PDB file of N, CA and C in Angstrom:
ATOM      1  N   MET A   1      20.855  37.707 -14.917  1.00  0.00           N
ATOM      2  CA  MET A   1      19.997  38.670 -14.258  1.00  0.00           C
ATOM      3  C   MET A   1      18.650  38.777 -14.979  1.00  0.00           C
ATOM      4  N   LEU A   2      18.702  38.681 -16.296  1.00  0.00           N
ATOM      5  CA  LEU A   2      17.498  38.761 -17.096  1.00  0.00           C
ATOM      6  C   LEU A   2      16.568  37.591 -16.794  1.00  0.00           C
ATOM      7  N   LYS A   3      17.129  36.400 -16.559  1.00  0.00           N
ATOM      8  CA  LYS A   3      16.346  35.194 -16.256  1.00  0.00           C
ATOM      9  C   LYS A   3      15.583  35.375 -14.941  1.00  0.00           C
ATOM     10  N   VAL A   4      16.220  35.980 -13.945  1.00  0.00           N
ATOM     11  CA  VAL A   4      15.588  36.197 -12.643  1.00  0.00           C
ATOM     12  C   VAL A   4      14.402  37.143 -12.783  1.00  0.00           C
ATOM     13  N   GLU A   5      14.564  38.196 -13.581  1.00  0.00           N
ATOM     14  CA  GLU A   5      13.477  39.154 -13.786  1.00  0.00           C
ATOM     15  C   GLU A   5      12.313  38.505 -14.533  1.00  0.00           C
ATOM     16  N   GLU A   6      12.624  37.644 -15.509  1.00  0.00           N
ATOM     17  CA  GLU A   6      11.568  36.943 -16.237  1.00  0.00           C
ATOM     18  C   GLU A   6      10.793  36.024 -15.299  1.00  0.00           C
ATOM     19  N   ASP A   7      11.505  35.341 -14.388  1.00  0.00           N
ATOM     20  CA  ASP A   7      10.848  34.471 -13.418  1.00  0.00           C
ATOM     21  C   ASP A   7       9.929  35.264 -12.499  1.00  0.00           C
ATOM     22  N   LYS A   8      10.381  36.450 -12.076  1.00  0.00           N
ATOM     23  CA  LYS A   8       9.558  37.287 -11.205  1.00  0.00           C
ATOM     24  C   LYS A   8       8.292  37.739 -11.930  1.00  0.00           C
ATOM     25  N   ILE A   9       8.441  38.129 -13.187  1.00  0.00           N
ATOM     26  CA  ILE A   9       7.289  38.574 -13.977  1.00  0.00           C
ATOM     27  C   ILE A   9       6.313  37.422 -14.172  1.00  0.00           C
ATOM     28  N   LEU A  10       6.841  36.225 -14.456  1.00  0.00           N
ATOM     29  CA  LEU A  10       5.997  35.049 -14.634  1.00  0.00           C
ATOM     30  C   LEU A  10       5.238  34.726 -13.350  1.00  0.00           C
ATOM     31  N   THR A  11       5.909  34.807 -12.214  1.00  0.00           N
ATOM     32  CA  THR A  11       5.273  34.550 -10.932  1.00  0.00           C
ATOM     33  C   THR A  11       4.163  35.567 -10.658  1.00  0.00           C
ATOM     34  N   ILE A  12       4.423  36.810 -10.940  1.00  0.00           N
ATOM     35  CA  ILE A  12       3.424  37.861 -10.734  1.00  0.00           C
ATOM     36  C   ILE A  12       2.219  37.613 -11.643  1.00  0.00           C
ATOM     37  N   ASN A  13       2.456  37.224 -12.898  1.00  0.00           N
ATOM     38  CA  ASN A  13       1.353  36.944 -13.829  1.00  0.00           C
ATOM     39  C   ASN A  13       0.506  35.773 -13.336  1.00  0.00           C
ATOM     40  N   ILE A  14       1.145  34.731 -12.813  1.00  0.00           N
ATOM     41  CA  ILE A  14       0.404  33.575 -12.302  1.00  0.00           C
ATOM     42  C   ILE A  14      -0.449  33.985 -11.113  1.00  0.00           C
ATOM     43  N   ILE A  15       0.119  34.748 -10.190  1.00  0.00           N
ATOM     44  CA  ILE A  15      -0.630  35.201  -9.016  1.00  0.00           C
ATOM     45  C   ILE A  15      -1.803  36.091  -9.452  1.00  0.00           C
ATOM     46  N   TYR A  16      -1.572  36.957 -10.447  1.00  0.00           N
ATOM     47  CA  TYR A  16      -2.629  37.827 -10.938  1.00  0.00           C
ATOM     48  C   TYR A  16      -3.757  37.016 -11.561  1.00  0.00           C
ATOM     49  N   LYS A  17      -3.410  35.999 -12.345  1.00  0.00           N
ATOM     50  CA  LYS A  17      -4.430  35.170 -12.984  1.00  0.00           C
ATOM     51  C   LYS A  17      -5.220  34.387 -11.947  1.00  0.00           C
ATOM     52  N   MET A  18      -4.555  33.933 -10.874  1.00  0.00           N
ATOM     53  CA  MET A  18      -5.248  33.200  -9.824  1.00  0.00           C
ATOM     54  C   MET A  18      -6.239  34.103  -9.095  1.00  0.00           C
ATOM     55  N   SER A  19      -5.886  35.373  -8.958  1.00  0.00           N
ATOM     56  CA  SER A  19      -6.775  36.284  -8.237  1.00  0.00           C
ATOM     57  C   SER A  19      -7.983  36.670  -9.080  1.00  0.00           C
ATOM     58  N   GLU A  20      -7.987  36.354 -10.385  1.00  0.00           N
ATOM     59  CA  GLU A  20      -9.119  36.670 -11.238  1.00  0.00           C
ATOM     60  C   GLU A  20     -10.287  35.706 -11.042  1.00  0.00           C
ATOM     61  N   LEU A  21     -10.087  34.591 -10.358  1.00  0.00           N
ATOM     62  CA  LEU A  21     -11.166  33.629 -10.138  1.00  0.00           C
ATOM     63  C   LEU A  21     -12.176  34.229  -9.149  1.00  0.00           C
ATOM     64  N   SER A  22     -13.435  34.203  -9.539  1.00  0.00           N
ATOM     65  CA  SER A  22     -14.489  34.723  -8.678  1.00  0.00           C
ATOM     66  C   SER A  22     -15.795  34.039  -9.041  1.00  0.00           C
ATOM     67  N   GLU A  23     -16.891  34.526  -8.496  1.00  0.00           N
ATOM     68  CA  GLU A  23     -18.206  33.965  -8.804  1.00  0.00           C
ATOM     69  C   GLU A  23     -18.575  34.178 -10.266  1.00  0.00           C
ATOM     70  N   ASP A  24     -18.039  35.201 -10.864  1.00  0.00           N
ATOM     71  CA  ASP A  24     -18.367  35.518 -12.253  1.00  0.00           C
ATOM     72  C   ASP A  24     -17.464  34.787 -13.247  1.00  0.00           C
ATOM     73  N   THR A  25     -16.486  34.054 -12.758  1.00  0.00           N
ATOM     74  CA  THR A  25     -15.582  33.328 -13.640  1.00  0.00           C
ATOM     75  C   THR A  25     -16.354  32.251 -14.381  1.00  0.00           C
ATOM     76  N   LYS A  26     -16.110  32.149 -15.685  1.00  0.00           N
ATOM     77  CA  LYS A  26     -16.827  31.181 -16.508  1.00  0.00           C
ATOM     78  C   LYS A  26     -15.847  30.127 -17.011  1.00  0.00           C
ATOM     79  N   PHE A  27     -16.299  28.881 -17.002  1.00  0.00           N
ATOM     80  CA  PHE A  27     -15.513  27.769 -17.518  1.00  0.00           C
ATOM     81  C   PHE A  27     -16.185  27.265 -18.777  1.00  0.00           C
ATOM     82  N   GLN A  28     -15.392  26.905 -19.731  1.00  0.00           N
ATOM     83  CA  GLN A  28     -15.951  26.370 -20.956  1.00  0.00           C
ATOM     84  C   GLN A  28     -15.662  24.872 -21.002  1.00  0.00           C
ATOM     85  N   ILE A  29     -16.719  24.074 -20.834  1.00  0.00           N
ATOM     86  CA  ILE A  29     -16.600  22.623 -20.875  1.00  0.00           C
ATOM     87  C   ILE A  29     -17.543  22.124 -21.955  1.00  0.00           C
ATOM     88  N   SER A  30     -17.037  21.250 -22.786  1.00  0.00           N
ATOM     89  CA  SER A  30     -17.861  20.752 -23.884  1.00  0.00           C
ATOM     90  C   SER A  30     -18.860  19.715 -23.375  1.00  0.00           C
ATOM     91  N   ILE A  31     -19.897  19.480 -24.174  1.00  0.00           N
ATOM     92  CA  ILE A  31     -20.912  18.480 -23.845  1.00  0.00           C
ATOM     93  C   ILE A  31     -20.258  17.097 -23.768  1.00  0.00           C
ATOM     94  N   LYS A  32     -19.311  16.852 -24.632  1.00  0.00           N
ATOM     95  CA  LYS A  32     -18.600  15.567 -24.660  1.00  0.00           C
ATOM     96  C   LYS A  32     -17.880  15.329 -23.325  1.00  0.00           C
ATOM     97  N   THR A  33     -17.236  16.362 -22.805  1.00  0.00           N
ATOM     98  CA  THR A  33     -16.527  16.252 -21.527  1.00  0.00           C
ATOM     99  C   THR A  33     -17.503  16.019 -20.384  1.00  0.00           C
ATOM    100  N   LEU A  34     -18.624  16.759 -20.394  1.00  0.00           N
ATOM    101  CA  LEU A  34     -19.639  16.571 -19.358  1.00  0.00           C
ATOM    102  C   LEU A  34     -20.197  15.151 -19.391  1.00  0.00           C
ATOM    103  N   ALA A  35     -20.427  14.616 -20.586  1.00  0.00           N
ATOM    104  CA  ALA A  35     -20.938  13.249 -20.716  1.00  0.00           C
ATOM    105  C   ALA A  35     -19.923  12.243 -20.183  1.00  0.00           C
ATOM    106  N   ALA A  36     -18.660  12.467 -20.463  1.00  0.00           N
ATOM    107  CA  ALA A  36     -17.612  11.564 -19.980  1.00  0.00           C
ATOM    108  C   ALA A  36     -17.519  11.605 -18.455  1.00  0.00           C
ATOM    109  N   ILE A  37     -17.613  12.790 -17.876  1.00  0.00           N
ATOM    110  CA  ILE A  37     -17.577  12.923 -16.412  1.00  0.00           C
ATOM    111  C   ILE A  37     -18.791  12.227 -15.800  1.00  0.00           C
ATOM    112  N   GLY A  38     -19.967  12.439 -16.394  1.00  0.00           N
ATOM    113  CA  GLY A  38     -21.191  11.795 -15.892  1.00  0.00           C
ATOM    114  C   GLY A  38     -21.100  10.277 -15.982  1.00  0.00           C
ATOM    115  N   ALA A  39     -20.588   9.769 -17.107  1.00  0.00           N
ATOM    116  CA  ALA A  39     -20.442   8.315 -17.265  1.00  0.00           C
ATOM    117  C   ALA A  39     -19.458   7.753 -16.243  1.00  0.00           C
ATOM    118  N   GLY A  40     -18.388   8.477 -15.983  1.00  0.00           N
ATOM    119  CA  GLY A  40     -17.409   8.034 -14.993  1.00  0.00           C
ATOM    120  C   GLY A  40     -18.008   7.967 -13.592  1.00  0.00           C
ATOM    121  N   ILE A  41     -18.741   8.997 -13.211  1.00  0.00           N
ATOM    122  CA  ILE A  41     -19.392   9.014 -11.898  1.00  0.00           C
ATOM    123  C   ILE A  41     -20.422   7.894 -11.800  1.00  0.00           C
ATOM    124  N   PHE A  42     -21.198   7.699 -12.868  1.00  0.00           N
ATOM    125  CA  PHE A  42     -22.205   6.643 -12.899  1.00  0.00           C
ATOM    126  C   PHE A  42     -21.550   5.273 -12.716  1.00  0.00           C
ATOM    127  N   ALA A  43     -20.420   5.048 -13.396  1.00  0.00           N
ATOM    128  CA  ALA A  43     -19.717   3.762 -13.289  1.00  0.00           C
ATOM    129  C   ALA A  43     -19.184   3.545 -11.870  1.00  0.00           C
ATOM    130  N   LEU A  44     -18.619   4.581 -11.266  1.00  0.00           N
ATOM    131  CA  LEU A  44     -18.090   4.454  -9.902  1.00  0.00           C
ATOM    132  C   LEU A  44     -19.200   4.172  -8.894  1.00  0.00           C
ATOM    133  N   VAL A  45     -20.317   4.842  -9.025  1.00  0.00           N
ATOM    134  CA  VAL A  45     -21.446   4.605  -8.114  1.00  0.00           C
ATOM    135  C   VAL A  45     -21.966   3.186  -8.291  1.00  0.00           C
ATOM    136  N   GLY A  46     -22.062   2.739  -9.537  1.00  0.00           N
ATOM    137  CA  GLY A  46     -22.507   1.371  -9.799  1.00  0.00           C
ATOM    138  C   GLY A  46     -21.569   0.335  -9.189  1.00  0.00           C
ATOM    139  N   LEU A  47     -20.256   0.566  -9.305  1.00  0.00           N
ATOM    140  CA  LEU A  47     -19.283  -0.350  -8.700  1.00  0.00           C
ATOM    141  C   LEU A  47     -19.401  -0.361  -7.181  1.00  0.00           C
ATOM    142  N   TYR A  48     -19.638   0.798  -6.604  1.00  0.00           N
ATOM    143  CA  TYR A  48     -19.769   0.889  -5.153  1.00  0.00           C
ATOM    144  C   TYR A  48     -20.949   0.049  -4.666  1.00  0.00           C
ATOM    145  N   PHE A  49     -22.094   0.219  -5.308  1.00  0.00           N
ATOM    146  CA  PHE A  49     -23.278  -0.527  -4.867  1.00  0.00           C
ATOM    147  C   PHE A  49     -23.148  -2.025  -5.145  1.00  0.00           C
ATOM    148  N   ALA A  50     -22.492  -2.386  -6.226  1.00  0.00           N
ATOM    149  CA  ALA A  50     -22.266  -3.808  -6.510  1.00  0.00           C
ATOM    150  C   ALA A  50     -21.364  -4.417  -5.446  1.00  0.00           C
ATOM    151  N   LEU A  51     -20.345  -3.675  -5.048  1.00  0.00           N
ATOM    152  CA  LEU A  51     -19.445  -4.152  -4.001  1.00  0.00           C
ATOM    153  C   LEU A  51     -20.172  -4.288  -2.669  1.00  0.00           C
ATOM    154  N   GLN A  52     -21.014  -3.330  -2.340  1.00  0.00           N
ATOM    155  CA  GLN A  52     -21.775  -3.407  -1.097  1.00  0.00           C
ATOM    156  C   GLN A  52     -22.706  -4.622  -1.099  1.00  0.00           C
ATOM    157  N   ALA A  53     -23.325  -4.907  -2.247  1.00  0.00           N
ATOM    158  CA  ALA A  53     -24.214  -6.072  -2.349  1.00  0.00           C
ATOM    159  C   ALA A  53     -23.425  -7.371  -2.174  1.00  0.00           C
ATOM    160  N   ASP A  54     -22.235  -7.429  -2.758  1.00  0.00           N
ATOM    161  CA  ASP A  54     -21.389  -8.619  -2.602  1.00  0.00           C
ATOM    162  C   ASP A  54     -20.967  -8.813  -1.144  1.00  0.00           C
ATOM    163  N   ILE A  55     -20.693  -7.729  -0.460  1.00  0.00           N
ATOM    164  CA  ILE A  55     -20.302  -7.816   0.954  1.00  0.00           C
ATOM    165  C   ILE A  55     -21.469  -8.341   1.789  1.00  0.00           C
ATOM    166  N   GLU A  56     -22.651  -7.820   1.539  1.00  0.00           N
ATOM    167  CA  GLU A  56     -23.823  -8.290   2.286  1.00  0.00           C
ATOM    168  C   GLU A  56     -24.098  -9.768   2.013  1.00  0.00           C
ATOM    169  N   GLU A  57     -23.933 -10.188   0.771  1.00  0.00           N
ATOM    170  CA  GLU A  57     -24.131 -11.601   0.423  1.00  0.00           C
ATOM    171  C   GLU A  57     -23.104 -12.476   1.138  1.00  0.00           C
ATOM    172  N   ALA A  58     -21.874 -12.017   1.205  1.00  0.00           N
ATOM    173  CA  ALA A  58     -20.826 -12.790   1.860  1.00  0.00           C
ATOM    174  C   ALA A  58     -21.082 -12.912   3.365  1.00  0.00           C
ATOM    175  N   LYS A  59     -21.704 -11.892   3.946  1.00  0.00           N
ATOM    176  CA  LYS A  59     -22.023 -11.954   5.379  1.00  0.00           C
ATOM    177  C   LYS A  59     -23.056 -13.038   5.678  1.00  0.00           C
ATOM    178  N   LEU A  60     -23.935 -13.295   4.724  1.00  0.00           N
ATOM    179  CA  LEU A  60     -24.992 -14.281   4.930  1.00  0.00           C
ATOM    180  C   LEU A  60     -24.541 -15.720   4.711  1.00  0.00           C
ATOM    181  N   LEU A  61     -23.434 -15.893   4.007  1.00  0.00           N
ATOM    182  CA  LEU A  61     -22.957 -17.250   3.729  1.00  0.00           C
ATOM    183  C   LEU A  61     -22.385 -17.884   4.996  1.00  0.00           C
ATOM    184  N   PRO A  62     -22.557 -19.186   5.170  1.00  0.00           N
ATOM    185  CA  PRO A  62     -21.976 -19.835   6.352  1.00  0.00           C
ATOM    186  C   PRO A  62     -20.460 -19.959   6.200  1.00  0.00           C
ATOM    187  N   GLU A  63     -19.799 -19.988   7.348  1.00  0.00           N
ATOM    188  CA  GLU A  63     -18.346 -20.144   7.310  1.00  0.00           C
ATOM    189  C   GLU A  63     -18.011 -21.563   6.885  1.00  0.00           C
ATOM    190  N   PRO A  64     -17.026 -21.708   6.015  1.00  0.00           N
ATOM    191  CA  PRO A  64     -16.662 -23.066   5.610  1.00  0.00           C
ATOM    192  C   PRO A  64     -15.990 -23.794   6.781  1.00  0.00           C
ATOM    193  N   PRO A  65     -16.378 -25.024   7.019  1.00  0.00           N
ATOM    194  CA  PRO A  65     -15.777 -25.754   8.136  1.00  0.00           C
ATOM    195  C   PRO A  65     -14.332 -26.152   7.818  1.00  0.00           C
ATOM    196  N   VAL A  66     -13.526 -26.171   8.856  1.00  0.00           N
ATOM    197  CA  VAL A  66     -12.145 -26.601   8.706  1.00  0.00           C
ATOM    198  C   VAL A  66     -12.133 -28.107   8.955  1.00  0.00           C
ATOM    199  N   SER A  67     -11.705 -28.829   7.937  1.00  0.00           N
ATOM    200  CA  SER A  67     -11.707 -30.291   8.083  1.00  0.00           C
ATOM    201  C   SER A  67     -10.564 -30.731   8.993  1.00  0.00           C
ATOM    202  N   ARG A  68     -10.705 -31.913   9.520  1.00  0.00           N
ATOM    203  CA  ARG A  68      -9.682 -32.454  10.415  1.00  0.00           C
ATOM    204  C   ARG A  68      -8.362 -32.622   9.669  1.00  0.00           C
ATOM    205  N   THR A  69      -8.440 -33.034   8.405  1.00  0.00           N
ATOM    206  CA  THR A  69      -7.222 -33.218   7.609  1.00  0.00           C
ATOM    207  C   THR A  69      -6.502 -31.882   7.431  1.00  0.00           C
ATOM    208  N   GLU A  70      -7.265 -30.845   7.109  1.00  0.00           N
ATOM    209  CA  GLU A  70      -6.670 -29.525   6.933  1.00  0.00           C
ATOM    210  C   GLU A  70      -6.033 -29.051   8.237  1.00  0.00           C
ATOM    211  N   TYR A  71      -6.721 -29.271   9.345  1.00  0.00           N
ATOM    212  CA  TYR A  71      -6.186 -28.871  10.648  1.00  0.00           C
ATOM    213  C   TYR A  71      -4.886 -29.614  10.942  1.00  0.00           C
ATOM    214  N   ASP A  72      -4.880 -30.930  10.692  1.00  0.00           N
ATOM    215  CA  ASP A  72      -3.676 -31.727  10.961  1.00  0.00           C
ATOM    216  C   ASP A  72      -2.508 -31.280  10.088  1.00  0.00           C
ATOM    217  N   LEU A  73      -2.779 -30.976   8.822  1.00  0.00           N
ATOM    218  CA  LEU A  73      -1.701 -30.532   7.925  1.00  0.00           C
ATOM    219  C   LEU A  73      -1.122 -29.196   8.375  1.00  0.00           C
ATOM    220  N   LYS A  74      -2.001 -28.274   8.768  1.00  0.00           N
ATOM    221  CA  LYS A  74      -1.516 -26.974   9.246  1.00  0.00           C
ATOM    222  C   LYS A  74      -0.716 -27.130  10.525  1.00  0.00           C
ATOM    223  N   ASP A  75      -1.203 -27.987  11.414  1.00  0.00           N
ATOM    224  CA  ASP A  75      -0.504 -28.231  12.670  1.00  0.00           C
ATOM    225  C   ASP A  75       0.887 -28.809  12.411  1.00  0.00           C
ATOM    226  N   GLU A  76       0.950 -29.776  11.496  1.00  0.00           N
ATOM    227  CA  GLU A  76       2.236 -30.395  11.163  1.00  0.00           C
ATOM    228  C   GLU A  76       3.201 -29.365  10.566  1.00  0.00           C
ATOM    229  N   LEU A  77       2.681 -28.509   9.689  1.00  0.00           N
ATOM    230  CA  LEU A  77       3.515 -27.479   9.072  1.00  0.00           C
ATOM    231  C   LEU A  77       4.068 -26.516  10.123  1.00  0.00           C
ATOM    232  N   ILE A  78       3.233 -26.134  11.055  1.00  0.00           N
ATOM    233  CA  ILE A  78       3.677 -25.216  12.109  1.00  0.00           C
ATOM    234  C   ILE A  78       4.741 -25.876  12.982  1.00  0.00           C
ATOM    235  N   ARG A  79       4.533 -27.137  13.321  1.00  0.00           N
ATOM    236  CA  ARG A  79       5.515 -27.838  14.153  1.00  0.00           C
ATOM    237  C   ARG A  79       6.851 -27.986  13.426  1.00  0.00           C
ATOM    238  N   GLU A  80       6.808 -28.273  12.113  1.00  0.00           N
ATOM    239  CA  GLU A  80       8.048 -28.377  11.342  1.00  0.00           C
ATOM    240  C   GLU A  80       8.769 -27.031  11.295  1.00  0.00           C
ATOM    241  N   SER A  81       8.007 -25.968  11.137  1.00  0.00           N
ATOM    242  CA  SER A  81       8.601 -24.632  11.110  1.00  0.00           C
ATOM    243  C   SER A  81       9.291 -24.323  12.430  1.00  0.00           C
ATOM    244  N   ILE A  82       8.674 -24.706  13.533  1.00  0.00           N
ATOM    245  CA  ILE A  82       9.268 -24.464  14.850  1.00  0.00           C
ATOM    246  C   ILE A  82      10.554 -25.260  15.006  1.00  0.00           C
ATOM    247  N   MET A  83      10.535 -26.507  14.569  1.00  0.00           N
ATOM    248  CA  MET A  83      11.735 -27.344  14.681  1.00  0.00           C
ATOM    249  C   MET A  83      12.860 -26.801  13.804  1.00  0.00           C
ATOM    250  N   ASN A  84      12.521 -26.354  12.588  1.00  0.00           N
ATOM    251  CA  ASN A  84      13.542 -25.769  11.710  1.00  0.00           C
ATOM    252  C   ASN A  84      14.131 -24.508  12.320  1.00  0.00           C
ATOM    253  N   THR A  85      13.288 -23.726  12.929  1.00  0.00           N
ATOM    254  CA  THR A  85      13.767 -22.506  13.581  1.00  0.00           C
ATOM    255  C   THR A  85      14.694 -22.848  14.740  1.00  0.00           C
ATOM    256  N   GLU A  86      14.336 -23.863  15.507  1.00  0.00           N
ATOM    257  CA  GLU A  86      15.168 -24.281  16.627  1.00  0.00           C
ATOM    258  C   GLU A  86      16.537 -24.751  16.134  1.00  0.00           C
ATOM    259  N   GLU A  87      16.568 -25.510  15.039  1.00  0.00           N
ATOM    260  CA  GLU A  87      17.839 -25.969  14.481  1.00  0.00           C
ATOM    261  C   GLU A  87      18.689 -24.788  14.025  1.00  0.00           C
ATOM    262  N   LYS A  88      18.065 -23.803  13.389  1.00  0.00           N
ATOM    263  CA  LYS A  88      18.813 -22.635  12.926  1.00  0.00           C
ATOM    264  C   LYS A  88      19.368 -21.836  14.096  1.00  0.00           C
ATOM    265  N   VAL A  89      18.607 -21.753  15.174  1.00  0.00           N
ATOM    266  CA  VAL A  89      19.080 -21.041  16.365  1.00  0.00           C
ATOM    267  C   VAL A  89      20.300 -21.762  16.944  1.00  0.00           C
ATOM    268  N   GLN A  90      20.259 -23.093  16.980  1.00  0.00           N
ATOM    269  CA  GLN A  90      21.403 -23.863  17.479  1.00  0.00           C
ATOM    270  C   GLN A  90      22.635 -23.636  16.600  1.00  0.00           C
ATOM    271  N   GLU A  91      22.449 -23.661  15.276  1.00  0.00           N
ATOM    272  CA  GLU A  91      23.565 -23.417  14.356  1.00  0.00           C
ATOM    273  C   GLU A  91      24.148 -22.024  14.582  1.00  0.00           C
ATOM    274  N   ASN A  92      23.276 -21.025  14.714  1.00  0.00           N
ATOM    275  CA  ASN A  92      23.751 -19.663  14.941  1.00  0.00           C
ATOM    276  C   ASN A  92      24.460 -19.540  16.280  1.00  0.00           C
ATOM    277  N   SER A  93      24.000 -20.274  17.263  1.00  0.00           N
ATOM    278  CA  SER A  93      24.642 -20.254  18.577  1.00  0.00           C
ATOM    279  C   SER A  93      26.053 -20.809  18.484  1.00  0.00           C
ATOM    280  N   GLN A  94      26.212 -21.893  17.740  1.00  0.00           N
ATOM    281  CA  GLN A  94      27.547 -22.481  17.576  1.00  0.00           C
ATOM    282  C   GLN A  94      28.467 -21.520  16.821  1.00  0.00           C
ATOM    283  N   LYS A  95      27.932 -20.887  15.793  1.00  0.00           N
ATOM    284  CA  LYS A  95      28.743 -19.923  15.042  1.00  0.00           C
ATOM    285  C   LYS A  95      29.138 -18.751  15.928  1.00  0.00           C
ATOM    286  N   LEU A  96      28.218 -18.313  16.751  1.00  0.00           N
ATOM    287  CA  LEU A  96      28.504 -17.204  17.656  1.00  0.00           C
ATOM    288  C   LEU A  96      29.582 -17.590  18.654  1.00  0.00           C
ATOM    289  N   ASP A  97      29.545 -18.817  19.143  1.00  0.00           N
ATOM    290  CA  ASP A  97      30.586 -19.283  20.066  1.00  0.00           C
ATOM    291  C   ASP A  97      31.949 -19.265  19.390  1.00  0.00           C
ATOM    292  N   LYS A  98      32.025 -19.710  18.143  1.00  0.00           N
ATOM    293  CA  LYS A  98      33.298 -19.695  17.411  1.00  0.00           C
ATOM    294  C   LYS A  98      33.798 -18.272  17.221  1.00  0.00           C
ATOM    295  N   ILE A  99      32.894 -17.377  16.865  1.00  0.00           N
ATOM    296  CA  ILE A  99      33.278 -15.973  16.685  1.00  0.00           C
ATOM    297  C   ILE A  99      33.766 -15.393  18.009  1.00  0.00           C
ATOM    298  N   ASP A 100      33.097 -15.752  19.087  1.00  0.00           N
ATOM    299  CA  ASP A 100      33.486 -15.289  20.418  1.00  0.00           C
ATOM    300  C   ASP A 100      34.900 -15.755  20.759  1.00  0.00           C
ATOM    301  N   GLU A 101      35.195 -17.017  20.480  1.00  0.00           N
ATOM    302  CA  GLU A 101      36.530 -17.563  20.756  1.00  0.00           C
ATOM    303  C   GLU A 101      37.592 -16.844  19.938  1.00  0.00           C
ATOM    304  N   LYS A 102      37.310 -16.621  18.643  1.00  0.00           N
ATOM    305  CA  LYS A 102      38.279 -15.915  17.801  1.00  0.00           C
ATOM    306  C   LYS A 102      38.496 -14.493  18.274  1.00  0.00           C
ATOM    307  N   LEU A 103      37.453 -13.835  18.670  1.00  0.00           N
ATOM    308  CA  LEU A 103      37.567 -12.467  19.164  1.00  0.00           C
ATOM    309  C   LEU A 103      38.387 -12.436  20.456  1.00  0.00           C
ATOM    310  N   TYR A 104      38.161 -13.405  21.309  1.00  0.00           N
ATOM    311  CA  TYR A 104      38.919 -13.481  22.553  1.00  0.00           C
ATOM    312  C   TYR A 104      40.412 -13.682  22.269  1.00  0.00           C
ATOM    313  N   GLU A 105      40.724 -14.554  21.293  1.00  0.00           N
ATOM    314  CA  GLU A 105      42.121 -14.773  20.922  1.00  0.00           C
ATOM    315  C   GLU A 105      42.758 -13.525  20.352  1.00  0.00           C
ATOM    316  N   ILE A 106      42.012 -12.770  19.551  1.00  0.00           N
ATOM    317  CA  ILE A 106      42.539 -11.531  18.974  1.00  0.00           C
ATOM    318  C   ILE A 106      42.799 -10.505  20.062  1.00  0.00           C
ATOM    319  N   ILE A 107      41.893 -10.380  20.993  1.00  0.00           N
ATOM    320  CA  ILE A 107      42.041  -9.396  22.077  1.00  0.00           C
ATOM    321  C   ILE A 107      43.176  -9.823  23.000  1.00  0.00           C
ATOM    322  N   LYS A 108      43.331 -11.112  23.208  1.00  0.00           N
ATOM    323  CA  LYS A 108      44.341 -11.644  24.110  1.00  0.00           C
ATOM    324  C   LYS A 108      45.759 -11.331  23.608  1.00  0.00           C
ATOM    325  N   LYS A 109      45.943 -11.295  22.294  1.00  0.00           N
ATOM    326  CA  LYS A 109      47.275 -11.026  21.720  1.00  0.00           C
ATOM    327  C   LYS A 109      47.645  -9.623  21.932  1.00  0.00           C
TER     328      LYS A 109
END
């Protein structure tokens, strides 16, 4: 019972402290902390503008051409993938037929 009362008092104290925040509330921040915050903001802004410049530069570059060899290799890879998939579907179909037959035999008994 004592623990519950302590929790209630703690909650009331937290709510009271939160209500003390106003226009007159003062924060104490050291010069070192302010400098660190400023340096962090400066670094983030610098990264943002560097990234934007890189994006604009990339927009101006021509698209690399796709060579015939690269196209043929990709085409061959895609066709092999399709054939492998077709073989796997056939294997699964055969397995499904066997399972179907076994299930039919079990139900028939």
